[in-house]
Protein backbone atom coordinates (compact mmCIF):
# COMPACT_ATOMS: atom_id res chain seq x y z
CA MET A 1 0.22 0.50 2.47
CA GLU A 2 -0.48 -1.89 5.28
CA GLU A 3 2.66 -5.28 5.63
CA LYS A 4 0.32 -8.56 6.24
CA ILE A 5 1.87 -10.19 8.80
CA LYS A 6 2.54 -14.24 7.79
CA ALA A 7 3.76 -17.21 10.08
CA ARG A 8 4.55 -20.70 9.02
CA CYS A 9 2.40 -23.15 10.29
CA PRO A 10 4.07 -25.19 12.78
CA ARG A 11 2.44 -28.58 11.37
CA CYS A 12 3.59 -28.33 8.26
CA GLY A 13 5.38 -25.03 7.35
CA MET A 14 3.58 -23.86 4.87
CA VAL A 15 3.47 -20.01 5.08
CA ILE A 16 0.04 -18.50 5.71
CA GLU A 17 -1.37 -15.14 6.01
CA TRP A 18 -2.04 -14.26 10.22
CA GLU A 19 -5.23 -12.25 10.28
CA GLY A 20 -8.60 -13.22 8.67
CA ASN A 21 -6.92 -17.02 9.15
CA ALA A 22 -9.54 -18.93 10.95
CA HIS A 23 -7.10 -22.39 11.67
CA ARG A 24 -3.56 -19.80 12.69
CA PRO A 25 -1.72 -20.76 13.59
CA PHE A 26 -2.04 -23.54 11.56
CA CYS A 27 -2.87 -23.19 7.93
CA SER A 28 -5.96 -25.57 7.72
CA GLU A 29 -8.23 -27.87 9.89
CA ARG A 30 -6.33 -30.89 8.95
CA CYS A 31 -3.09 -29.88 10.45
CA LYS A 32 -5.54 -28.10 13.21
CA LEU A 33 -6.76 -32.15 13.81
CA ILE A 34 -3.53 -33.91 13.05
CA ASP A 35 -1.83 -31.92 16.17
CA LEU A 36 -5.07 -32.52 18.22
CA GLY A 37 -4.37 -36.13 17.34
CA ARG A 38 -1.03 -36.03 18.55
CA TRP A 39 -2.00 -34.33 22.09
CA ILE A 40 -4.70 -37.05 22.42
CA ASP A 41 -2.16 -39.61 21.48
CA GLU A 42 0.33 -38.30 24.48
CA GLU A 43 2.72 -37.53 21.76
CA TYR A 44 3.22 -34.19 23.36
CA ARG A 45 3.39 -33.70 26.89
CA VAL A 46 4.08 -30.99 29.01
CA LEU A 47 5.59 -31.71 32.75
CA GLY A 48 4.62 -30.50 35.44
CA GLU A 49 6.55 -30.24 38.33
CA ASP A 50 5.98 -33.05 40.66
CA SER A 51 6.56 -35.03 37.26
CA PRO A 52 8.95 -37.90 37.56
CA LEU A 53 11.63 -37.59 35.87
CA SER A 54 13.12 -40.14 32.93
CA THR A 55 16.48 -42.00 33.06
CA GLU A 56 17.89 -39.80 30.87
CA GLU A 57 16.79 -36.75 32.94
CA GLN A 58 18.04 -37.50 36.36
CA GLY A 59 21.78 -37.99 34.98
CA ASP A 60 21.34 -34.52 34.96
CA VAL A 61 20.40 -34.23 38.64
CA ILE A 62 22.98 -32.68 40.92
CA ARG A 63 22.17 -34.57 44.14
CA GLU A 64 23.65 -32.66 48.01
CA GLU A 65 24.35 -35.11 50.39
């Protein structure tokens, strides 16, 4: 008997079956669209190497003189 792979939706946390799920890693089209909306509204960001540091992050930088 083959065990089915289960995962949690990164948006709502519902446990879903991985195989055959057209919306994976999400549980539904709704969660998928909510996540996309957050990217579009810039609530999520991926910083690049050339990104300026925020004021909080600047405190963590050690400067050699």
